[in-house]
Amino acid sequence: MREPREPRETPEVEPTVPVGEWREADGTEIDEEDRGLVYDIRTLVNRRRALGLFGGIAATTLLAACSSTPSSASVASSAAGTASATATSTPSASASATAEASGPLTEVPDETAGPYPGDGSNGANVLDDSGVVRSDIRSSFGSSTTTAAGVPLSIQLTVRDAATGNALTGAAVYLWHCNRDGNYSLYSQGVTNENYLRGVQEVDSSGTVTFTSIFPACYSGRWPHIHFEVYSDVATAVASGPIVKTSQIALPKEACDLVYATTGYEKSVSNLASTSLARDNVFGNDGGIYQIASMSGSVASGYTAALTVGV
């Protein structure tokens, strides 16, 4: 009769360390029990990796925490990277992730306000109209209450000081875009008496404004986009005062393809097919890298477009 076997042990994996790391200055090897916490952690991590119990991220984080005290710059870089990864992997969380980010960021490019700004610089001025300060911009206000039709779109714009990353508390954003047919209220034929899809808001404590709107069309010659102007405060905005930043938001192609396949956006299908970010006269110089919104949602439930901009 065979003797019962001893339980098989999982082979241990020796820690991988640089040659000479655990030696005294004279070359004498330091006893294992005297090598300290970093050695113990590395040993544990390598053994756990062999057992498949630790993921790469957890192991890296554990070692980094035990090896040294990170500088403030490293902490800021890590936080920014985490926020970026969160926004990419879970688009619905993009607004909260960007709102919590800090540290310097690239300034959003200055762009043209286009021929239909409605800010008094080219004819019509909606900024001095009572009712322009609002979050829901789908309907006209004043003499008309017409509501623009289209797939629902929530636009979340977070405005920060590019040099510090701090929220521009007290700042105001004037935002506008075309309707489902590619027409701009106040200017385009058939909608000159409308002022929908335009509005002003003060940013909140995180620097964010959220507008309730509809997905704009793609009209001939331009990539689908949204215009915005940043002012120092609401009072300055409604008085058509000095503008801090004028720029545009680019909408991602994947969402555009899905929206434009729905009823009412038929013209946008061919218009989008005949252009690209690279050929666009606004986003073409850099492909809109600092202006492409992060998207979440669906045609059925509506979309959210989120973007953090440095000014």
C-alpha atoms as a PDB file:
ATOM      1  CA  MET A   1       0.000   0.000   0.000  1.00  0.00           C
ATOM      2  CA  ARG A   2       1.350   3.371  -1.003  1.00  0.00           C
ATOM      3  CA  GLU A   3       2.160   5.942   1.577  1.00  0.00           C
ATOM      4  CA  PRO A   4      -0.221   8.975   1.284  1.00  0.00           C
ATOM      5  CA  ARG A   5       1.282  11.855  -0.633  1.00  0.00           C
ATOM      6  CA  GLU A   6       2.019  15.148   0.998  1.00  0.00           C
ATOM      7  CA  PRO A   7      -0.147  17.993  -0.436  1.00  0.00           C
ATOM      8  CA  ARG A   8       1.570  19.599  -3.453  1.00  0.00           C
ATOM      9  CA  GLU A   9       2.781  23.077  -2.767  1.00  0.00           C
ATOM     10  CA  THR A  10       2.651  25.782  -5.377  1.00  0.00           C
ATOM     11  CA  PRO A  11       6.248  26.606  -6.312  1.00  0.00           C
ATOM     12  CA  GLU A  12       7.340  29.947  -5.027  1.00  0.00           C
ATOM     13  CA  VAL A  13       8.683  32.605  -7.324  1.00  0.00           C
ATOM     14  CA  GLU A  14      11.736  34.412  -6.100  1.00  0.00           C
ATOM     15  CA  PRO A  15      11.513  38.179  -6.208  1.00  0.00           C
ATOM     16  CA  THR A  16      13.159  39.806  -9.193  1.00  0.00           C
ATOM     17  CA  VAL A  17      15.522  42.494  -7.963  1.00  0.00           C
ATOM     18  CA  PRO A  18      18.499  44.289  -9.466  1.00  0.00           C
ATOM     19  CA  VAL A  19      21.834  42.547  -8.896  1.00  0.00           C
ATOM     20  CA  GLY A  20      23.526  43.926  -5.832  1.00  0.00           C
ATOM     21  CA  GLU A  21      20.417  45.696  -4.504  1.00  0.00           C
ATOM     22  CA  TRP A  22      20.404  43.735  -1.246  1.00  0.00           C
ATOM     23  CA  ARG A  23      24.109  44.095  -0.400  1.00  0.00           C
ATOM     24  CA  GLU A  24      26.081  46.257   1.978  1.00  0.00           C
ATOM     25  CA  ALA A  25      28.570  48.820   0.616  1.00  0.00           C
ATOM     26  CA  ASP A  26      31.393  46.263   1.044  1.00  0.00           C
ATOM     27  CA  GLY A  27      29.527  43.672  -1.029  1.00  0.00           C
ATOM     28  CA  THR A  28      28.282  41.567   1.903  1.00  0.00           C
ATOM     29  CA  GLU A  29      24.811  40.179   1.197  1.00  0.00           C
ATOM     30  CA  ILE A  30      22.079  41.457   3.542  1.00  0.00           C
ATOM     31  CA  ASP A  31      20.099  38.740   5.308  1.00  0.00           C
ATOM     32  CA  GLU A  32      16.611  38.272   3.837  1.00  0.00           C
ATOM     33  CA  GLU A  33      14.870  39.138   7.103  1.00  0.00           C
ATOM     34  CA  ASP A  34      16.740  42.466   7.230  1.00  0.00           C
ATOM     35  CA  ARG A  35      15.931  43.629   3.689  1.00  0.00           C
ATOM     36  CA  GLY A  36      12.915  45.651   4.707  1.00  0.00           C
ATOM     37  CA  LEU A  37       9.365  46.291   3.580  1.00  0.00           C
ATOM     38  CA  VAL A  38      10.071  46.916  -0.122  1.00  0.00           C
ATOM     39  CA  TYR A  39      11.737  43.501  -0.434  1.00  0.00           C
ATOM     40  CA  ASP A  40       8.844  41.831   1.395  1.00  0.00           C
ATOM     41  CA  ILE A  41       6.284  43.504  -0.836  1.00  0.00           C
ATOM     42  CA  ARG A  42       8.154  42.618  -4.025  1.00  0.00           C
ATOM     43  CA  THR A  43       8.400  39.019  -2.848  1.00  0.00           C
ATOM     44  CA  LEU A  44       4.687  38.922  -2.079  1.00  0.00           C
ATOM     45  CA  VAL A  45       3.736  40.523  -5.403  1.00  0.00           C
ATOM     46  CA  ASN A  46       5.835  38.135  -7.460  1.00  0.00           C
ATOM     47  CA  ARG A  47       4.422  35.148  -5.626  1.00  0.00           C
ATOM     48  CA  ARG A  48       0.877  36.411  -5.973  1.00  0.00           C
ATOM     49  CA  ARG A  49       1.411  36.997  -9.691  1.00  0.00           C
ATOM     50  CA  ALA A  50       2.345  33.358 -10.042  1.00  0.00           C
ATOM     51  CA  LEU A  51      -0.942  32.438  -8.360  1.00  0.00           C
ATOM     52  CA  GLY A  52      -2.896  34.920 -10.479  1.00  0.00           C
ATOM     53  CA  LEU A  53      -4.312  36.729  -7.449  1.00  0.00           C
ATOM     54  CA  PHE A  54      -3.018  40.227  -8.120  1.00  0.00           C
ATOM     55  CA  GLY A  55      -3.640  42.323 -11.245  1.00  0.00           C
ATOM     56  CA  GLY A  56      -0.917  44.434 -12.737  1.00  0.00           C
ATOM     57  CA  ILE A  57      -2.464  47.704 -11.614  1.00  0.00           C
ATOM     58  CA  ALA A  58      -2.809  46.635  -7.981  1.00  0.00           C
ATOM     59  CA  ALA A  59       0.753  45.341  -7.865  1.00  0.00           C
ATOM     60  CA  THR A  60       2.193  48.472  -9.397  1.00  0.00           C
ATOM     61  CA  THR A  61       0.232  50.698  -7.028  1.00  0.00           C
ATOM     62  CA  LEU A  62       1.339  48.692  -3.994  1.00  0.00           C
ATOM     63  CA  LEU A  63       5.003  48.840  -4.939  1.00  0.00           C
ATOM     64  CA  ALA A  64       4.847  52.529  -5.773  1.00  0.00           C
ATOM     65  CA  ALA A  65       3.275  53.274  -2.405  1.00  0.00           C
ATOM     66  CA  CYS A  66       5.968  51.391  -0.502  1.00  0.00           C
ATOM     67  CA  SER A  67       9.030  52.394  -2.520  1.00  0.00           C
ATOM     68  CA  SER A  68       9.001  56.157  -2.027  1.00  0.00           C
ATOM     69  CA  THR A  69       6.930  59.191  -1.211  1.00  0.00           C
ATOM     70  CA  PRO A  70       5.570  60.602  -4.478  1.00  0.00           C
ATOM     71  CA  SER A  71       6.100  64.237  -5.324  1.00  0.00           C
ATOM     72  CA  SER A  72       3.120  66.551  -5.686  1.00  0.00           C
ATOM     73  CA  ALA A  73       3.720  66.599  -9.452  1.00  0.00           C
ATOM     74  CA  SER A  74       3.524  62.801  -9.573  1.00  0.00           C
ATOM     75  CA  VAL A  75       0.302  62.812  -7.602  1.00  0.00           C
ATOM     76  CA  ALA A  76      -1.241  65.388  -9.934  1.00  0.00           C
ATOM     77  CA  SER A  77      -0.116  63.447 -12.997  1.00  0.00           C
ATOM     78  CA  SER A  78      -1.533  60.208 -11.601  1.00  0.00           C
ATOM     79  CA  ALA A  79      -4.849  61.852 -10.747  1.00  0.00           C
ATOM     80  CA  ALA A  80      -5.137  63.393 -14.187  1.00  0.00           C
ATOM     81  CA  GLY A  81      -4.331  60.062 -15.824  1.00  0.00           C
ATOM     82  CA  THR A  82      -6.934  58.289 -13.718  1.00  0.00           C
ATOM     83  CA  ALA A  83      -9.578  60.856 -14.617  1.00  0.00           C
ATOM     84  CA  SER A  84      -8.705  60.544 -18.303  1.00  0.00           C
ATOM     85  CA  ALA A  85      -8.908  56.747 -18.208  1.00  0.00           C
ATOM     86  CA  THR A  86     -12.246  56.897 -16.421  1.00  0.00           C
ATOM     87  CA  ALA A  87     -13.690  59.257 -18.984  1.00  0.00           C
ATOM     88  CA  THR A  88     -12.517  57.014 -21.805  1.00  0.00           C
ATOM     89  CA  SER A  89     -13.621  53.692 -20.374  1.00  0.00           C
ATOM     90  CA  THR A  90     -16.911  54.919 -18.929  1.00  0.00           C
ATOM     91  CA  PRO A  91     -18.112  57.863 -21.020  1.00  0.00           C
ATOM     92  CA  SER A  92     -21.142  58.433 -18.794  1.00  0.00           C
ATOM     93  CA  ALA A  93     -18.798  59.401 -15.975  1.00  0.00           C
ATOM     94  CA  SER A  94     -16.807  61.819 -18.116  1.00  0.00           C
ATOM     95  CA  ALA A  95     -18.392  64.951 -16.683  1.00  0.00           C
ATOM     96  CA  SER A  96     -17.670  64.066 -13.057  1.00  0.00           C
ATOM     97  CA  ALA A  97     -14.179  62.832 -13.914  1.00  0.00           C
ATOM     98  CA  THR A  98     -13.192  66.020 -15.674  1.00  0.00           C
ATOM     99  CA  ALA A  99     -14.792  68.127 -12.979  1.00  0.00           C
ATOM    100  CA  GLU A 100     -12.450  66.604 -10.386  1.00  0.00           C
ATOM    101  CA  ALA A 101      -9.291  66.959 -12.474  1.00  0.00           C
ATOM    102  CA  SER A 102      -6.666  69.520 -11.491  1.00  0.00           C
ATOM    103  CA  GLY A 103      -3.343  70.879 -12.680  1.00  0.00           C
ATOM    104  CA  PRO A 104      -2.378  72.657 -15.904  1.00  0.00           C
ATOM    105  CA  LEU A 105      -4.112  71.643 -19.126  1.00  0.00           C
ATOM    106  CA  THR A 106      -3.802  72.572 -22.779  1.00  0.00           C
ATOM    107  CA  GLU A 107      -5.675  75.716 -23.754  1.00  0.00           C
ATOM    108  CA  VAL A 108      -8.506  75.047 -26.166  1.00  0.00           C
ATOM    109  CA  PRO A 109      -7.816  76.604 -29.586  1.00  0.00           C
ATOM    110  CA  ASP A 110      -9.428  79.913 -30.474  1.00  0.00           C
ATOM    111  CA  GLU A 111     -11.939  79.418 -33.277  1.00  0.00           C
ATOM    112  CA  THR A 112     -14.237  81.577 -35.354  1.00  0.00           C
ATOM    113  CA  ALA A 113     -17.711  82.330 -34.055  1.00  0.00           C
ATOM    114  CA  GLY A 114     -18.922  81.819 -37.609  1.00  0.00           C
ATOM    115  CA  PRO A 115     -21.434  83.962 -39.484  1.00  0.00           C
ATOM    116  CA  TYR A 116     -24.350  83.246 -37.112  1.00  0.00           C
ATOM    117  CA  PRO A 117     -23.164  84.133 -33.589  1.00  0.00           C
ATOM    118  CA  GLY A 118     -26.220  86.074 -32.418  1.00  0.00           C
ATOM    119  CA  ASP A 119     -23.988  88.043 -30.050  1.00  0.00           C
ATOM    120  CA  GLY A 120     -24.325  91.401 -31.809  1.00  0.00           C
ATOM    121  CA  SER A 121     -21.050  91.074 -33.712  1.00  0.00           C
ATOM    122  CA  ASN A 122     -22.872  90.180 -36.928  1.00  0.00           C
ATOM    123  CA  GLY A 123     -26.367  91.621 -36.881  1.00  0.00           C
ATOM    124  CA  ALA A 124     -28.759  89.852 -34.491  1.00  0.00           C
ATOM    125  CA  ASN A 125     -28.102  89.976 -30.756  1.00  0.00           C
ATOM    126  CA  VAL A 126     -29.879  87.485 -28.497  1.00  0.00           C
ATOM    127  CA  LEU A 127     -27.677  88.170 -25.478  1.00  0.00           C
ATOM    128  CA  ASP A 128     -29.587  91.237 -24.340  1.00  0.00           C
ATOM    129  CA  ASP A 129     -32.966  89.485 -24.570  1.00  0.00           C
ATOM    130  CA  SER A 130     -34.756  88.627 -21.351  1.00  0.00           C
ATOM    131  CA  GLY A 131     -34.859  84.847 -21.035  1.00  0.00           C
ATOM    132  CA  VAL A 132     -31.515  84.034 -22.669  1.00  0.00           C
ATOM    133  CA  VAL A 133     -30.038  82.889 -19.357  1.00  0.00           C
ATOM    134  CA  ARG A 134     -31.327  79.312 -19.231  1.00  0.00           C
ATOM    135  CA  SER A 135     -30.255  75.655 -19.280  1.00  0.00           C
ATOM    136  CA  ASP A 136     -32.898  74.216 -21.637  1.00  0.00           C
ATOM    137  CA  ILE A 137     -32.301  75.793 -25.040  1.00  0.00           C
ATOM    138  CA  ARG A 138     -34.563  73.593 -27.159  1.00  0.00           C
ATOM    139  CA  SER A 139     -37.370  76.161 -27.438  1.00  0.00           C
ATOM    140  CA  SER A 140     -37.512  79.772 -28.540  1.00  0.00           C
ATOM    141  CA  PHE A 141     -38.427  82.370 -25.930  1.00  0.00           C
ATOM    142  CA  GLY A 142     -40.167  85.725 -26.202  1.00  0.00           C
ATOM    143  CA  SER A 143     -42.584  86.096 -29.123  1.00  0.00           C
ATOM    144  CA  SER A 144     -42.151  82.436 -30.198  1.00  0.00           C
ATOM    145  CA  THR A 145     -42.181  79.207 -28.228  1.00  0.00           C
ATOM    146  CA  THR A 146     -41.294  76.855 -31.090  1.00  0.00           C
ATOM    147  CA  THR A 147     -39.314  73.793 -29.994  1.00  0.00           C
ATOM    148  CA  ALA A 148     -36.508  72.451 -32.176  1.00  0.00           C
ATOM    149  CA  ALA A 149     -37.010  68.781 -33.061  1.00  0.00           C
ATOM    150  CA  GLY A 150     -34.218  66.213 -32.895  1.00  0.00           C
ATOM    151  CA  VAL A 151     -32.463  63.533 -30.887  1.00  0.00           C
ATOM    152  CA  PRO A 152     -31.982  64.798 -27.288  1.00  0.00           C
ATOM    153  CA  LEU A 153     -28.483  66.002 -26.434  1.00  0.00           C
ATOM    154  CA  SER A 154     -27.145  67.164 -23.069  1.00  0.00           C
ATOM    155  CA  ILE A 155     -24.042  69.341 -23.452  1.00  0.00           C
ATOM    156  CA  GLN A 156     -21.703  69.454 -20.437  1.00  0.00           C
ATOM    157  CA  LEU A 157     -18.884  71.954 -20.764  1.00  0.00           C
ATOM    158  CA  THR A 158     -16.320  72.299 -17.982  1.00  0.00           C
ATOM    159  CA  VAL A 159     -14.312  75.516 -18.121  1.00  0.00           C
ATOM    160  CA  ARG A 160     -10.954  75.749 -16.377  1.00  0.00           C
ATOM    161  CA  ASP A 161      -7.961  78.040 -16.143  1.00  0.00           C
ATOM    162  CA  ALA A 162      -5.413  76.402 -18.457  1.00  0.00           C
ATOM    163  CA  ALA A 163      -2.465  77.499 -16.312  1.00  0.00           C
ATOM    164  CA  THR A 164      -3.732  76.127 -12.995  1.00  0.00           C
ATOM    165  CA  GLY A 165      -6.565  73.742 -13.851  1.00  0.00           C
ATOM    166  CA  ASN A 166      -8.832  75.585 -11.415  1.00  0.00           C
ATOM    167  CA  ALA A 167     -12.495  76.033 -12.240  1.00  0.00           C
ATOM    168  CA  LEU A 168     -13.367  79.503 -13.547  1.00  0.00           C
ATOM    169  CA  THR A 169     -15.907  80.127 -10.821  1.00  0.00           C
ATOM    170  CA  GLY A 170     -18.352  82.876 -11.745  1.00  0.00           C
ATOM    171  CA  ALA A 171     -17.635  82.640 -15.480  1.00  0.00           C
ATOM    172  CA  ALA A 172     -20.454  82.386 -18.004  1.00  0.00           C
ATOM    173  CA  VAL A 173     -20.868  80.381 -21.209  1.00  0.00           C
ATOM    174  CA  TYR A 174     -22.927  81.407 -24.230  1.00  0.00           C
ATOM    175  CA  LEU A 175     -23.597  78.332 -26.389  1.00  0.00           C
ATOM    176  CA  TRP A 176     -25.348  77.924 -29.749  1.00  0.00           C
ATOM    177  CA  HIS A 177     -25.626  75.525 -32.692  1.00  0.00           C
ATOM    178  CA  CYS A 178     -27.744  74.720 -35.768  1.00  0.00           C
ATOM    179  CA  ASN A 179     -30.979  72.730 -35.775  1.00  0.00           C
ATOM    180  CA  ARG A 180     -31.748  69.316 -37.277  1.00  0.00           C
ATOM    181  CA  ASP A 181     -31.941  70.844 -40.755  1.00  0.00           C
ATOM    182  CA  GLY A 182     -28.603  72.646 -40.477  1.00  0.00           C
ATOM    183  CA  ASN A 183     -30.219  76.078 -39.990  1.00  0.00           C
ATOM    184  CA  TYR A 184     -29.343  78.708 -37.377  1.00  0.00           C
ATOM    185  CA  SER A 185     -32.073  80.592 -35.544  1.00  0.00           C
ATOM    186  CA  LEU A 186     -32.117  84.377 -36.105  1.00  0.00           C
ATOM    187  CA  TYR A 187     -30.316  83.987 -39.456  1.00  0.00           C
ATOM    188  CA  SER A 188     -31.374  81.092 -41.700  1.00  0.00           C
ATOM    189  CA  GLN A 189     -34.402  81.282 -43.988  1.00  0.00           C
ATOM    190  CA  GLY A 190     -37.516  80.077 -42.223  1.00  0.00           C
ATOM    191  CA  VAL A 191     -36.125  80.492 -38.685  1.00  0.00           C
ATOM    192  CA  THR A 192     -35.253  84.195 -38.532  1.00  0.00           C
ATOM    193  CA  ASN A 193     -38.048  84.690 -36.002  1.00  0.00           C
ATOM    194  CA  GLU A 194     -36.746  81.886 -33.770  1.00  0.00           C
ATOM    195  CA  ASN A 195     -34.054  82.105 -31.089  1.00  0.00           C
ATOM    196  CA  TYR A 196     -33.927  78.464 -30.030  1.00  0.00           C
ATOM    197  CA  LEU A 197     -30.682  76.506 -29.539  1.00  0.00           C
ATOM    198  CA  ARG A 198     -29.037  79.525 -27.894  1.00  0.00           C
ATOM    199  CA  GLY A 199     -28.492  80.195 -24.206  1.00  0.00           C
ATOM    200  CA  VAL A 200     -26.278  81.572 -21.452  1.00  0.00           C
ATOM    201  CA  GLN A 201     -25.384  79.986 -18.120  1.00  0.00           C
ATOM    202  CA  GLU A 202     -23.088  80.607 -15.177  1.00  0.00           C
ATOM    203  CA  VAL A 203     -20.673  77.761 -14.438  1.00  0.00           C
ATOM    204  CA  ASP A 204     -21.116  75.873 -11.168  1.00  0.00           C
ATOM    205  CA  SER A 205     -18.459  75.388  -8.464  1.00  0.00           C
ATOM    206  CA  SER A 206     -16.706  72.753 -10.613  1.00  0.00           C
ATOM    207  CA  GLY A 207     -16.661  75.059 -13.625  1.00  0.00           C
ATOM    208  CA  THR A 208     -19.370  73.093 -15.435  1.00  0.00           C
ATOM    209  CA  VAL A 209     -22.469  74.184 -17.332  1.00  0.00           C
ATOM    210  CA  THR A 210     -25.047  71.750 -18.701  1.00  0.00           C
ATOM    211  CA  PHE A 211     -27.354  72.659 -21.569  1.00  0.00           C
ATOM    212  CA  THR A 212     -30.359  70.577 -22.595  1.00  0.00           C
ATOM    213  CA  SER A 213     -30.573  70.620 -26.375  1.00  0.00           C
ATOM    214  CA  ILE A 214     -30.883  68.494 -29.525  1.00  0.00           C
ATOM    215  CA  PHE A 215     -28.225  66.861 -31.687  1.00  0.00           C
ATOM    216  CA  PRO A 216     -27.214  69.354 -34.412  1.00  0.00           C
ATOM    217  CA  ALA A 217     -27.108  68.488 -38.114  1.00  0.00           C
ATOM    218  CA  CYS A 218     -24.093  68.130 -40.344  1.00  0.00           C
ATOM    219  CA  TYR A 219     -24.421  70.756 -43.031  1.00  0.00           C
ATOM    220  CA  SER A 220     -22.396  71.001 -46.228  1.00  0.00           C
ATOM    221  CA  GLY A 221     -18.770  72.003 -45.755  1.00  0.00           C
ATOM    222  CA  ARG A 222     -18.503  71.594 -41.980  1.00  0.00           C
ATOM    223  CA  TRP A 223     -17.959  68.828 -39.453  1.00  0.00           C
ATOM    224  CA  PRO A 224     -20.816  68.554 -36.873  1.00  0.00           C
ATOM    225  CA  HIS A 225     -20.054  71.118 -34.178  1.00  0.00           C
ATOM    226  CA  ILE A 226     -21.279  73.375 -31.382  1.00  0.00           C
ATOM    227  CA  HIS A 227     -20.178  76.995 -30.828  1.00  0.00           C
ATOM    228  CA  PHE A 228     -19.441  78.579 -27.469  1.00  0.00           C
ATOM    229  CA  GLU A 229     -18.096  81.805 -25.967  1.00  0.00           C
ATOM    230  CA  VAL A 230     -16.741  82.179 -22.447  1.00  0.00           C
ATOM    231  CA  TYR A 231     -17.294  85.431 -20.533  1.00  0.00           C
ATOM    232  CA  SER A 232     -15.980  86.556 -17.155  1.00  0.00           C
ATOM    233  CA  ASP A 233     -19.523  86.506 -15.740  1.00  0.00           C
ATOM    234  CA  VAL A 234     -23.194  86.507 -16.731  1.00  0.00           C
ATOM    235  CA  ALA A 235     -23.504  90.292 -16.478  1.00  0.00           C
ATOM    236  CA  THR A 236     -20.709  90.710 -19.006  1.00  0.00           C
ATOM    237  CA  ALA A 237     -22.242  88.104 -21.320  1.00  0.00           C
ATOM    238  CA  VAL A 238     -25.719  89.637 -21.472  1.00  0.00           C
ATOM    239  CA  ALA A 239     -24.164  93.069 -22.025  1.00  0.00           C
ATOM    240  CA  SER A 240     -22.164  91.689 -24.985  1.00  0.00           C
ATOM    241  CA  GLY A 241     -18.985  92.586 -23.142  1.00  0.00           C
ATOM    242  CA  PRO A 242     -15.422  91.312 -23.664  1.00  0.00           C
ATOM    243  CA  ILE A 243     -15.151  87.636 -24.632  1.00  0.00           C
ATOM    244  CA  VAL A 244     -12.584  85.507 -22.797  1.00  0.00           C
ATOM    245  CA  LYS A 245     -12.604  82.613 -25.280  1.00  0.00           C
ATOM    246  CA  THR A 246     -14.413  81.698 -28.502  1.00  0.00           C
ATOM    247  CA  SER A 247     -14.192  78.107 -29.672  1.00  0.00           C
ATOM    248  CA  GLN A 248     -16.121  75.073 -30.915  1.00  0.00           C
ATOM    249  CA  ILE A 249     -16.932  71.517 -29.820  1.00  0.00           C
ATOM    250  CA  ALA A 250     -16.536  68.666 -32.326  1.00  0.00           C
ATOM    251  CA  LEU A 251     -18.956  65.728 -32.173  1.00  0.00           C
ATOM    252  CA  PRO A 252     -17.584  62.172 -32.574  1.00  0.00           C
ATOM    253  CA  LYS A 253     -18.349  60.348 -35.811  1.00  0.00           C
ATOM    254  CA  GLU A 254     -19.711  57.198 -34.147  1.00  0.00           C
ATOM    255  CA  ALA A 255     -22.548  59.099 -32.473  1.00  0.00           C
ATOM    256  CA  CYS A 256     -23.179  61.185 -35.596  1.00  0.00           C
ATOM    257  CA  ASP A 257     -23.580  58.062 -37.730  1.00  0.00           C
ATOM    258  CA  LEU A 258     -26.198  56.656 -35.374  1.00  0.00           C
ATOM    259  CA  VAL A 259     -28.138  59.903 -35.002  1.00  0.00           C
ATOM    260  CA  TYR A 260     -28.092  60.742 -38.697  1.00  0.00           C
ATOM    261  CA  ALA A 261     -29.606  57.358 -39.511  1.00  0.00           C
ATOM    262  CA  THR A 262     -32.838  58.501 -37.837  1.00  0.00           C
ATOM    263  CA  THR A 263     -35.790  60.354 -39.359  1.00  0.00           C
ATOM    264  CA  GLY A 264     -35.239  64.068 -39.887  1.00  0.00           C
ATOM    265  CA  TYR A 265     -31.470  63.935 -40.317  1.00  0.00           C
ATOM    266  CA  GLU A 266     -31.434  62.535 -43.864  1.00  0.00           C
ATOM    267  CA  LYS A 267     -29.402  65.394 -45.377  1.00  0.00           C
ATOM    268  CA  SER A 268     -26.726  64.984 -42.720  1.00  0.00           C
ATOM    269  CA  VAL A 269     -25.849  61.479 -43.951  1.00  0.00           C
ATOM    270  CA  SER A 270     -24.447  62.634 -47.288  1.00  0.00           C
ATOM    271  CA  ASN A 271     -22.955  65.811 -45.804  1.00  0.00           C
ATOM    272  CA  LEU A 272     -21.016  63.820 -43.211  1.00  0.00           C
ATOM    273  CA  ALA A 273     -19.830  61.346 -45.833  1.00  0.00           C
ATOM    274  CA  SER A 274     -18.308  64.173 -47.866  1.00  0.00           C
ATOM    275  CA  THR A 275     -16.221  65.680 -45.065  1.00  0.00           C
ATOM    276  CA  SER A 276     -13.842  64.703 -42.276  1.00  0.00           C
ATOM    277  CA  LEU A 277     -12.178  66.232 -39.250  1.00  0.00           C
ATOM    278  CA  ALA A 278      -8.931  66.422 -41.202  1.00  0.00           C
ATOM    279  CA  ARG A 279     -10.563  68.408 -44.014  1.00  0.00           C
ATOM    280  CA  ASP A 280     -12.683  70.661 -41.799  1.00  0.00           C
ATOM    281  CA  ASN A 281     -11.674  74.329 -41.994  1.00  0.00           C
ATOM    282  CA  VAL A 282     -11.852  74.653 -38.182  1.00  0.00           C
ATOM    283  CA  PHE A 283     -10.714  71.309 -36.747  1.00  0.00           C
ATOM    284  CA  GLY A 284      -8.487  70.287 -39.649  1.00  0.00           C
ATOM    285  CA  ASN A 285      -5.214  71.748 -38.355  1.00  0.00           C
ATOM    286  CA  ASP A 286      -5.038  69.278 -35.439  1.00  0.00           C
ATOM    287  CA  GLY A 287      -7.970  66.930 -36.022  1.00  0.00           C
ATOM    288  CA  GLY A 288      -9.901  68.593 -33.197  1.00  0.00           C
ATOM    289  CA  ILE A 289      -7.817  66.742 -30.604  1.00  0.00           C
ATOM    290  CA  TYR A 290      -8.668  69.235 -27.839  1.00  0.00           C
ATOM    291  CA  GLN A 291     -12.258  69.772 -28.921  1.00  0.00           C
ATOM    292  CA  ILE A 292     -13.803  66.341 -29.509  1.00  0.00           C
ATOM    293  CA  ALA A 293     -16.509  65.695 -26.941  1.00  0.00           C
ATOM    294  CA  SER A 294     -16.746  62.492 -24.928  1.00  0.00           C
ATOM    295  CA  MET A 295     -20.104  60.878 -25.735  1.00  0.00           C
ATOM    296  CA  SER A 296     -22.422  58.597 -23.803  1.00  0.00           C
ATOM    297  CA  GLY A 297     -26.032  57.520 -24.256  1.00  0.00           C
ATOM    298  CA  SER A 298     -28.047  56.315 -27.214  1.00  0.00           C
ATOM    299  CA  VAL A 299     -30.491  57.468 -29.874  1.00  0.00           C
ATOM    300  CA  ALA A 300     -33.391  56.115 -27.824  1.00  0.00           C
ATOM    301  CA  SER A 301     -32.428  57.720 -24.496  1.00  0.00           C
ATOM    302  CA  GLY A 302     -30.521  60.724 -25.808  1.00  0.00           C
ATOM    303  CA  TYR A 303     -26.827  61.539 -25.736  1.00  0.00           C
ATOM    304  CA  THR A 304     -24.514  63.468 -23.434  1.00  0.00           C
ATOM    305  CA  ALA A 305     -21.540  65.329 -24.908  1.00  0.00           C
ATOM    306  CA  ALA A 306     -18.914  66.306 -22.308  1.00  0.00           C
ATOM    307  CA  LEU A 307     -15.746  68.340 -22.756  1.00  0.00           C
ATOM    308  CA  THR A 308     -13.273  70.081 -20.466  1.00  0.00           C
ATOM    309  CA  VAL A 309     -11.669  73.176 -21.959  1.00  0.00           C
ATOM    310  CA  GLY A 310      -8.751  75.254 -20.776  1.00  0.00           C
ATOM    311  CA  VAL A 311      -8.933  78.995 -21.270  1.00  0.00           C
END
